[in-house]
Amino acid sequence: MNTFTATLSSKGQFTIPKPIRDRLAVQKGAKLEVAYSANGFVVKSKVKPRILELAGSLKKYDNGTPTNVAIERGLEIAAREIANE
């Protein structure tokens, strides 16, 4: 396991070292899950977005009344975009 040192600011903030951010594939604005235990704490990337965060994500693919084919195509495109973020 690689370890890194981070300094806590007066506001209780610290910067996650770049190698860890890269490994978690997180970017500015990403939601992280933080948990603590008797041994310390763990930070995890929230991979599964909440359903409310997805609301409206397919709107740009709307061109009228959707058909089953259009719905499937929009879902495929959105899934690829989410997977590549």
PDB file of N, CA and C in Angstrom:
ATOM      1  N   MET A   1       0.851  -1.177   0.000  1.00  0.00           N
ATOM      2  CA  MET A   1       0.000   0.000   0.000  1.00  0.00           C
ATOM      3  C   MET A   1       0.894   1.236   0.000  1.00  0.00           C
ATOM      4  N   ASN A   2       0.583   2.171  -0.891  1.00  0.00           N
ATOM      5  CA  ASN A   2       1.300   3.448  -0.927  1.00  0.00           C
ATOM      6  C   ASN A   2       0.678   4.398   0.080  1.00  0.00           C
ATOM      7  N   THR A   3       1.508   5.157   0.769  1.00  0.00           N
ATOM      8  CA  THR A   3       0.996   6.146   1.717  1.00  0.00           C
ATOM      9  C   THR A   3       1.470   7.529   1.306  1.00  0.00           C
ATOM     10  N   PHE A   4       0.665   8.522   1.630  1.00  0.00           N
ATOM     11  CA  PHE A   4       0.956   9.907   1.298  1.00  0.00           C
ATOM     12  C   PHE A   4       0.652  10.756   2.518  1.00  0.00           C
ATOM     13  N   THR A   5       1.265  11.922   2.590  1.00  0.00           N
ATOM     14  CA  THR A   5       1.009  12.852   3.683  1.00  0.00           C
ATOM     15  C   THR A   5       0.180  14.010   3.159  1.00  0.00           C
ATOM     16  N   ALA A   6      -0.870  14.351   3.899  1.00  0.00           N
ATOM     17  CA  ALA A   6      -1.710  15.502   3.563  1.00  0.00           C
ATOM     18  C   ALA A   6      -1.801  16.372   4.804  1.00  0.00           C
ATOM     19  N   THR A   7      -1.848  17.675   4.618  1.00  0.00           N
ATOM     20  CA  THR A   7      -1.917  18.622   5.729  1.00  0.00           C
ATOM     21  C   THR A   7      -3.333  19.144   5.871  1.00  0.00           C
ATOM     22  N   LEU A   8      -3.850  19.126   7.089  1.00  0.00           N
ATOM     23  CA  LEU A   8      -5.195  19.614   7.373  1.00  0.00           C
ATOM     24  C   LEU A   8      -5.167  21.132   7.499  1.00  0.00           C
ATOM     25  N   SER A   9      -6.071  21.809   6.787  1.00  0.00           N
ATOM     26  CA  SER A   9      -6.124  23.275   6.840  1.00  0.00           C
ATOM     27  C   SER A   9      -6.904  23.726   8.072  1.00  0.00           C
ATOM     28  N   SER A  10      -6.907  25.032   8.308  1.00  0.00           N
ATOM     29  CA  SER A  10      -7.655  25.580   9.446  1.00  0.00           C
ATOM     30  C   SER A  10      -9.158  25.375   9.276  1.00  0.00           C
ATOM     31  N   LYS A  11      -9.612  25.114   8.052  1.00  0.00           N
ATOM     32  CA  LYS A  11     -11.032  24.860   7.787  1.00  0.00           C
ATOM     33  C   LYS A  11     -11.366  23.369   7.849  1.00  0.00           C
ATOM     34  N   GLY A  12     -10.401  22.548   8.228  1.00  0.00           N
ATOM     35  CA  GLY A  12     -10.634  21.107   8.317  1.00  0.00           C
ATOM     36  C   GLY A  12     -10.574  20.416   6.964  1.00  0.00           C
ATOM     37  N   GLN A  13      -9.926  21.023   5.991  1.00  0.00           N
ATOM     38  CA  GLN A  13      -9.838  20.469   4.643  1.00  0.00           C
ATOM     39  C   GLN A  13      -8.429  19.959   4.368  1.00  0.00           C
ATOM     40  N   PHE A  14      -8.345  18.970   3.488  1.00  0.00           N
ATOM     41  CA  PHE A  14      -7.044  18.545   3.000  1.00  0.00           C
ATOM     42  C   PHE A  14      -7.182  18.147   1.538  1.00  0.00           C
ATOM     43  N   THR A  15      -6.072  18.195   0.836  1.00  0.00           N
ATOM     44  CA  THR A  15      -6.058  17.836  -0.576  1.00  0.00           C
ATOM     45  C   THR A  15      -5.701  16.369  -0.706  1.00  0.00           C
ATOM     46  N   ILE A  16      -6.523  15.645  -1.447  1.00  0.00           N
ATOM     47  CA  ILE A  16      -6.220  14.242  -1.714  1.00  0.00           C
ATOM     48  C   ILE A  16      -5.077  14.227  -2.734  1.00  0.00           C
ATOM     49  N   PRO A  17      -3.982  13.550  -2.421  1.00  0.00           N
ATOM     50  CA  PRO A  17      -2.836  13.540  -3.329  1.00  0.00           C
ATOM     51  C   PRO A  17      -3.217  13.051  -4.733  1.00  0.00           C
ATOM     52  N   LYS A  18      -2.586  13.628  -5.746  1.00  0.00           N
ATOM     53  CA  LYS A  18      -2.918  13.334  -7.132  1.00  0.00           C
ATOM     54  C   LYS A  18      -2.884  11.846  -7.469  1.00  0.00           C
ATOM     55  N   PRO A  19      -1.898  11.070  -7.020  1.00  0.00           N
ATOM     56  CA  PRO A  19      -1.914   9.640  -7.358  1.00  0.00           C
ATOM     57  C   PRO A  19      -3.183   8.934  -6.857  1.00  0.00           C
ATOM     58  N   ILE A  20      -3.691   9.367  -5.709  1.00  0.00           N
ATOM     59  CA  ILE A  20      -4.919   8.766  -5.182  1.00  0.00           C
ATOM     60  C   ILE A  20      -6.118   9.232  -6.002  1.00  0.00           C
ATOM     61  N   ARG A  21      -6.172  10.525  -6.339  1.00  0.00           N
ATOM     62  CA  ARG A  21      -7.265  11.037  -7.184  1.00  0.00           C
ATOM     63  C   ARG A  21      -7.280  10.309  -8.524  1.00  0.00           C
ATOM     64  N   ASP A  22      -6.104  10.101  -9.086  1.00  0.00           N
ATOM     65  CA  ASP A  22      -6.022   9.386 -10.362  1.00  0.00           C
ATOM     66  C   ASP A  22      -6.515   7.951 -10.216  1.00  0.00           C
ATOM     67  N   ARG A  23      -6.112   7.299  -9.152  1.00  0.00           N
ATOM     68  CA  ARG A  23      -6.509   5.898  -8.923  1.00  0.00           C
ATOM     69  C   ARG A  23      -8.014   5.777  -8.714  1.00  0.00           C
ATOM     70  N   LEU A  24      -8.610   6.750  -8.012  1.00  0.00           N
ATOM     71  CA  LEU A  24     -10.058   6.744  -7.786  1.00  0.00           C
ATOM     72  C   LEU A  24     -10.823   7.297  -8.989  1.00  0.00           C
ATOM     73  N   ALA A  25     -10.104   7.872  -9.939  1.00  0.00           N
ATOM     74  CA  ALA A  25     -10.716   8.488 -11.131  1.00  0.00           C
ATOM     75  C   ALA A  25     -11.723   9.561 -10.732  1.00  0.00           C
ATOM     76  N   VAL A  26     -11.316  10.429  -9.800  1.00  0.00           N
ATOM     77  CA  VAL A  26     -12.191  11.522  -9.374  1.00  0.00           C
ATOM     78  C   VAL A  26     -11.654  12.841  -9.903  1.00  0.00           C
ATOM     79  N   GLN A  27     -12.579  13.751 -10.158  1.00  0.00           N
ATOM     80  CA  GLN A  27     -12.230  15.070 -10.652  1.00  0.00           C
ATOM     81  C   GLN A  27     -12.885  16.116  -9.771  1.00  0.00           C
ATOM     82  N   LYS A  28     -12.593  17.375 -10.049  1.00  0.00           N
ATOM     83  CA  LYS A  28     -13.170  18.490  -9.303  1.00  0.00           C
ATOM     84  C   LYS A  28     -14.690  18.341  -9.253  1.00  0.00           C
ATOM     85  N   GLY A  29     -15.247  18.496  -8.071  1.00  0.00           N
ATOM     86  CA  GLY A  29     -16.697  18.415  -7.899  1.00  0.00           C
ATOM     87  C   GLY A  29     -17.221  17.012  -7.647  1.00  0.00           C
ATOM     88  N   ALA A  30     -16.344  16.008  -7.685  1.00  0.00           N
ATOM     89  CA  ALA A  30     -16.782  14.631  -7.465  1.00  0.00           C
ATOM     90  C   ALA A  30     -17.277  14.450  -6.035  1.00  0.00           C
ATOM     91  N   LYS A  31     -18.251  13.580  -5.866  1.00  0.00           N
ATOM     92  CA  LYS A  31     -18.766  13.250  -4.544  1.00  0.00           C
ATOM     93  C   LYS A  31     -17.955  12.080  -3.998  1.00  0.00           C
ATOM     94  N   LEU A  32     -17.505  12.214  -2.772  1.00  0.00           N
ATOM     95  CA  LEU A  32     -16.744  11.160  -2.116  1.00  0.00           C
ATOM     96  C   LEU A  32     -17.479  10.721  -0.864  1.00  0.00           C
ATOM     97  N   GLU A  33     -17.334   9.470  -0.529  1.00  0.00           N
ATOM     98  CA  GLU A  33     -17.936   8.919   0.680  1.00  0.00           C
ATOM     99  C   GLU A  33     -16.827   8.769   1.717  1.00  0.00           C
ATOM    100  N   VAL A  34     -17.027   9.329   2.896  1.00  0.00           N
ATOM    101  CA  VAL A  34     -16.025   9.274   3.961  1.00  0.00           C
ATOM    102  C   VAL A  34     -16.630   8.534   5.143  1.00  0.00           C
ATOM    103  N   ALA A  35     -15.907   7.538   5.649  1.00  0.00           N
ATOM    104  CA  ALA A  35     -16.372   6.768   6.805  1.00  0.00           C
ATOM    105  C   ALA A  35     -15.230   6.685   7.807  1.00  0.00           C
ATOM    106  N   TYR A  36     -15.573   6.606   9.080  1.00  0.00           N
ATOM    107  CA  TYR A  36     -14.537   6.487  10.098  1.00  0.00           C
ATOM    108  C   TYR A  36     -14.773   5.247  10.945  1.00  0.00           C
ATOM    109  N   SER A  37     -13.680   4.794  11.558  1.00  0.00           N
ATOM    110  CA  SER A  37     -13.732   3.646  12.464  1.00  0.00           C
ATOM    111  C   SER A  37     -12.682   3.870  13.542  1.00  0.00           C
ATOM    112  N   ALA A  38     -12.510   2.910  14.390  1.00  0.00           N
ATOM    113  CA  ALA A  38     -11.524   3.024  15.461  1.00  0.00           C
ATOM    114  C   ALA A  38     -10.101   3.100  14.896  1.00  0.00           C
ATOM    115  N   ASN A  39      -9.898   2.587  13.685  1.00  0.00           N
ATOM    116  CA  ASN A  39      -8.566   2.544  13.080  1.00  0.00           C
ATOM    117  C   ASN A  39      -8.242   3.747  12.203  1.00  0.00           C
ATOM    118  N   GLY A  40      -9.178   4.648  11.995  1.00  0.00           N
ATOM    119  CA  GLY A  40      -8.935   5.794  11.122  1.00  0.00           C
ATOM    120  C   GLY A  40     -10.151   6.072  10.261  1.00  0.00           C
ATOM    121  N   PHE A  41      -9.919   6.497   9.026  1.00  0.00           N
ATOM    122  CA  PHE A  41     -11.045   6.745   8.137  1.00  0.00           C
ATOM    123  C   PHE A  41     -10.729   6.274   6.724  1.00  0.00           C
ATOM    124  N   VAL A  42     -11.792   6.119   5.945  1.00  0.00           N
ATOM    125  CA  VAL A  42     -11.693   5.632   4.576  1.00  0.00           C
ATOM    126  C   VAL A  42     -12.427   6.610   3.671  1.00  0.00           C
ATOM    127  N   VAL A  43     -11.849   6.908   2.518  1.00  0.00           N
ATOM    128  CA  VAL A  43     -12.492   7.759   1.514  1.00  0.00           C
ATOM    129  C   VAL A  43     -12.708   6.905   0.270  1.00  0.00           C
ATOM    130  N   LYS A  44     -13.961   6.870  -0.204  1.00  0.00           N
ATOM    131  CA  LYS A  44     -14.284   6.087  -1.396  1.00  0.00           C
ATOM    132  C   LYS A  44     -14.971   6.982  -2.419  1.00  0.00           C
ATOM    133  N   SER A  45     -14.712   6.691  -3.669  1.00  0.00           N
ATOM    134  CA  SER A  45     -15.399   7.385  -4.753  1.00  0.00           C
ATOM    135  C   SER A  45     -16.825   6.858  -4.829  1.00  0.00           C
ATOM    136  N   LYS A  46     -17.788   7.768  -4.983  1.00  0.00           N
ATOM    137  CA  LYS A  46     -19.182   7.357  -5.133  1.00  0.00           C
ATOM    138  C   LYS A  46     -19.411   7.041  -6.602  1.00  0.00           C
ATOM    139  N   VAL A  47     -19.249   5.786  -6.963  1.00  0.00           N
ATOM    140  CA  VAL A  47     -19.336   5.363  -8.354  1.00  0.00           C
ATOM    141  C   VAL A  47     -20.769   5.377  -8.857  1.00  0.00           C
ATOM    142  N   LYS A  48     -21.691   4.913  -8.048  1.00  0.00           N
ATOM    143  CA  LYS A  48     -23.081   4.824  -8.471  1.00  0.00           C
ATOM    144  C   LYS A  48     -23.781   6.149  -8.205  1.00  0.00           C
ATOM    145  N   PRO A  49     -24.150   6.875  -9.263  1.00  0.00           N
ATOM    146  CA  PRO A  49     -24.838   8.149  -9.037  1.00  0.00           C
ATOM    147  C   PRO A  49     -26.251   7.932  -8.516  1.00  0.00           C
ATOM    148  N   ARG A  50     -26.706   8.844  -7.720  1.00  0.00           N
ATOM    149  CA  ARG A  50     -28.073   8.772  -7.228  1.00  0.00           C
ATOM    150  C   ARG A  50     -29.025   9.044  -8.385  1.00  0.00           C
ATOM    151  N   ILE A  51     -30.192   8.433  -8.345  1.00  0.00           N
ATOM    152  CA  ILE A  51     -31.158   8.569  -9.429  1.00  0.00           C
ATOM    153  C   ILE A  51     -31.520  10.029  -9.670  1.00  0.00           C
ATOM    154  N   LEU A  52     -31.580  10.837  -8.615  1.00  0.00           N
ATOM    155  CA  LEU A  52     -31.930  12.240  -8.794  1.00  0.00           C
ATOM    156  C   LEU A  52     -30.848  13.011  -9.537  1.00  0.00           C
ATOM    157  N   GLU A  53     -29.589  12.568  -9.423  1.00  0.00           N
ATOM    158  CA  GLU A  53     -28.506  13.225 -10.143  1.00  0.00           C
ATOM    159  C   GLU A  53     -28.594  12.952 -11.642  1.00  0.00           C
ATOM    160  N   LEU A  54     -29.310  11.888 -12.019  1.00  0.00           N
ATOM    161  CA  LEU A  54     -29.468  11.544 -13.426  1.00  0.00           C
ATOM    162  C   LEU A  54     -30.661  12.234 -14.070  1.00  0.00           C
ATOM    163  N   ALA A  55     -31.505  12.850 -13.257  1.00  0.00           N
ATOM    164  CA  ALA A  55     -32.711  13.492 -13.784  1.00  0.00           C
ATOM    165  C   ALA A  55     -32.350  14.504 -14.860  1.00  0.00           C
ATOM    166  N   GLY A  56     -32.991  14.389 -15.999  1.00  0.00           N
ATOM    167  CA  GLY A  56     -32.761  15.315 -17.100  1.00  0.00           C
ATOM    168  C   GLY A  56     -31.532  15.025 -17.936  1.00  0.00           C
ATOM    169  N   SER A  57     -30.790  13.978 -17.625  1.00  0.00           N
ATOM    170  CA  SER A  57     -29.549  13.712 -18.351  1.00  0.00           C
ATOM    171  C   SER A  57     -29.789  13.286 -19.800  1.00  0.00           C
ATOM    172  N   LEU A  58     -30.993  12.837 -20.126  1.00  0.00           N
ATOM    173  CA  LEU A  58     -31.291  12.420 -21.494  1.00  0.00           C
ATOM    174  C   LEU A  58     -32.019  13.492 -22.295  1.00  0.00           C
ATOM    175  N   LYS A  59     -32.272  14.640 -21.674  1.00  0.00           N
ATOM    176  CA  LYS A  59     -33.056  15.692 -22.326  1.00  0.00           C
ATOM    177  C   LYS A  59     -32.453  16.143 -23.654  1.00  0.00           C
ATOM    178  N   LYS A  60     -31.139  16.174 -23.754  1.00  0.00           N
ATOM    179  CA  LYS A  60     -30.508  16.638 -24.988  1.00  0.00           C
ATOM    180  C   LYS A  60     -30.756  15.691 -26.160  1.00  0.00           C
ATOM    181  N   TYR A  61     -31.237  14.477 -25.882  1.00  0.00           N
ATOM    182  CA  TYR A  61     -31.531  13.515 -26.940  1.00  0.00           C
ATOM    183  C   TYR A  61     -33.008  13.530 -27.335  1.00  0.00           C
ATOM    184  N   ASP A  62     -33.788  14.438 -26.754  1.00  0.00           N
ATOM    185  CA  ASP A  62     -35.228  14.517 -27.005  1.00  0.00           C
ATOM    186  C   ASP A  62     -35.500  15.213 -28.334  1.00  0.00           C
ATOM    187  N   ASN A  63     -36.237  14.547 -29.190  1.00  0.00           N
ATOM    188  CA  ASN A  63     -36.650  15.170 -30.455  1.00  0.00           C
ATOM    189  C   ASN A  63     -38.144  14.943 -30.701  1.00  0.00           C
ATOM    190  N   GLY A  64     -38.919  14.912 -29.668  1.00  0.00           N
ATOM    191  CA  GLY A  64     -40.356  14.677 -29.790  1.00  0.00           C
ATOM    192  C   GLY A  64     -40.761  13.478 -28.957  1.00  0.00           C
ATOM    193  N   THR A  65     -41.802  12.812 -29.406  1.00  0.00           N
ATOM    194  CA  THR A  65     -42.290  11.631 -28.693  1.00  0.00           C
ATOM    195  C   THR A  65     -41.290  10.495 -28.850  1.00  0.00           C
ATOM    196  N   PRO A  66     -40.792   9.971 -27.743  1.00  0.00           N
ATOM    197  CA  PRO A  66     -39.780   8.919 -27.850  1.00  0.00           C
ATOM    198  C   PRO A  66     -40.381   7.580 -28.274  1.00  0.00           C
ATOM    199  N   THR A  67     -39.615   6.856 -29.048  1.00  0.00           N
ATOM    200  CA  THR A  67     -39.976   5.488 -29.398  1.00  0.00           C
ATOM    201  C   THR A  67     -39.086   4.573 -28.566  1.00  0.00           C
ATOM    202  N   ASN A  68     -39.399   3.298 -28.574  1.00  0.00           N
ATOM    203  CA  ASN A  68     -38.558   2.352 -27.831  1.00  0.00           C
ATOM    204  C   ASN A  68     -37.118   2.380 -28.343  1.00  0.00           C
ATOM    205  N   VAL A  69     -36.960   2.505 -29.651  1.00  0.00           N
ATOM    206  CA  VAL A  69     -35.616   2.558 -30.231  1.00  0.00           C
ATOM    207  C   VAL A  69     -34.890   3.813 -29.759  1.00  0.00           C
ATOM    208  N   ALA A  70     -35.588   4.948 -29.758  1.00  0.00           N
ATOM    209  CA  ALA A  70     -34.974   6.200 -29.312  1.00  0.00           C
ATOM    210  C   ALA A  70     -34.600   6.134 -27.837  1.00  0.00           C
ATOM    211  N   ILE A  71     -35.459   5.530 -27.039  1.00  0.00           N
ATOM    212  CA  ILE A  71     -35.174   5.389 -25.606  1.00  0.00           C
ATOM    213  C   ILE A  71     -33.934   4.532 -25.410  1.00  0.00           C
ATOM    214  N   GLU A  72     -33.871   3.391 -26.099  1.00  0.00           N
ATOM    215  CA  GLU A  72     -32.714   2.503 -25.969  1.00  0.00           C
ATOM    216  C   GLU A  72     -31.431   3.198 -26.427  1.00  0.00           C
ATOM    217  N   ARG A  73     -31.508   3.931 -27.522  1.00  0.00           N
ATOM    218  CA  ARG A  73     -30.332   4.642 -28.048  1.00  0.00           C
ATOM    219  C   ARG A  73     -29.855   5.708 -27.066  1.00  0.00           C
ATOM    220  N   GLY A  74     -30.783   6.468 -26.511  1.00  0.00           N
ATOM    221  CA  GLY A  74     -30.432   7.489 -25.529  1.00  0.00           C
ATOM    222  C   GLY A  74     -29.790   6.893 -24.295  1.00  0.00           C
ATOM    223  N   LEU A  75     -30.317   5.763 -23.837  1.00  0.00           N
ATOM    224  CA  LEU A  75     -29.747   5.093 -22.663  1.00  0.00           C
ATOM    225  C   LEU A  75     -28.333   4.593 -22.950  1.00  0.00           C
ATOM    226  N   GLU A  76     -28.116   4.058 -24.144  1.00  0.00           N
ATOM    227  CA  GLU A  76     -26.782   3.586 -24.512  1.00  0.00           C
ATOM    228  C   GLU A  76     -25.773   4.734 -24.545  1.00  0.00           C
ATOM    229  N   ILE A  77     -26.165   5.839 -25.149  1.00  0.00           N
ATOM    230  CA  ILE A  77     -25.271   6.999 -25.237  1.00  0.00           C
ATOM    231  C   ILE A  77     -24.967   7.550 -23.850  1.00  0.00           C
ATOM    232  N   ALA A  78     -26.002   7.699 -23.029  1.00  0.00           N
ATOM    233  CA  ALA A  78     -25.809   8.224 -21.675  1.00  0.00           C
ATOM    234  C   ALA A  78     -24.930   7.294 -20.852  1.00  0.00           C
ATOM    235  N   ALA A  79     -25.131   5.987 -20.977  1.00  0.00           N
ATOM    236  CA  ALA A  79     -24.326   5.021 -20.223  1.00  0.00           C
ATOM    237  C   ALA A  79     -22.857   5.121 -20.617  1.00  0.00           C
ATOM    238  N   ARG A  80     -22.587   5.286 -21.915  1.00  0.00           N
ATOM    239  CA  ARG A  80     -21.200   5.435 -22.368  1.00  0.00           C
ATOM    240  C   ARG A  80     -20.582   6.717 -21.828  1.00  0.00           C
ATOM    241  N   GLU A  81     -21.341   7.811 -21.846  1.00  0.00           N
ATOM    242  CA  GLU A  81     -20.820   9.088 -21.342  1.00  0.00           C
ATOM    243  C   GLU A  81     -20.526   9.008 -19.851  1.00  0.00           C
ATOM    244  N   ILE A  82     -21.421   8.383 -19.102  1.00  0.00           N
ATOM    245  CA  ILE A  82     -21.216   8.244 -17.657  1.00  0.00           C
ATOM    246  C   ILE A  82     -20.001   7.366 -17.380  1.00  0.00           C
ATOM    247  N   ALA A  83     -19.846   6.289 -18.148  1.00  0.00           N
ATOM    248  CA  ALA A  83     -18.718   5.378 -17.953  1.00  0.00           C
ATOM    249  C   ALA A  83     -17.385   6.058 -18.255  1.00  0.00           C
ATOM    250  N   ASN A  84     -17.394   7.039 -19.148  1.00  0.00           N
ATOM    251  CA  ASN A  84     -16.158   7.728 -19.534  1.00  0.00           C
ATOM    252  C   ASN A  84     -15.828   8.918 -18.663  1.00  0.00           C
ATOM    253  N   GLU A  85     -16.674   9.293 -17.716  1.00  0.00           N
ATOM    254  CA  GLU A  85     -16.412  10.458 -16.846  1.00  0.00           C
ATOM    255  C   GLU A  85     -15.371  10.131 -15.824  1.00  0.00           C
TER     256      GLU A  85
END
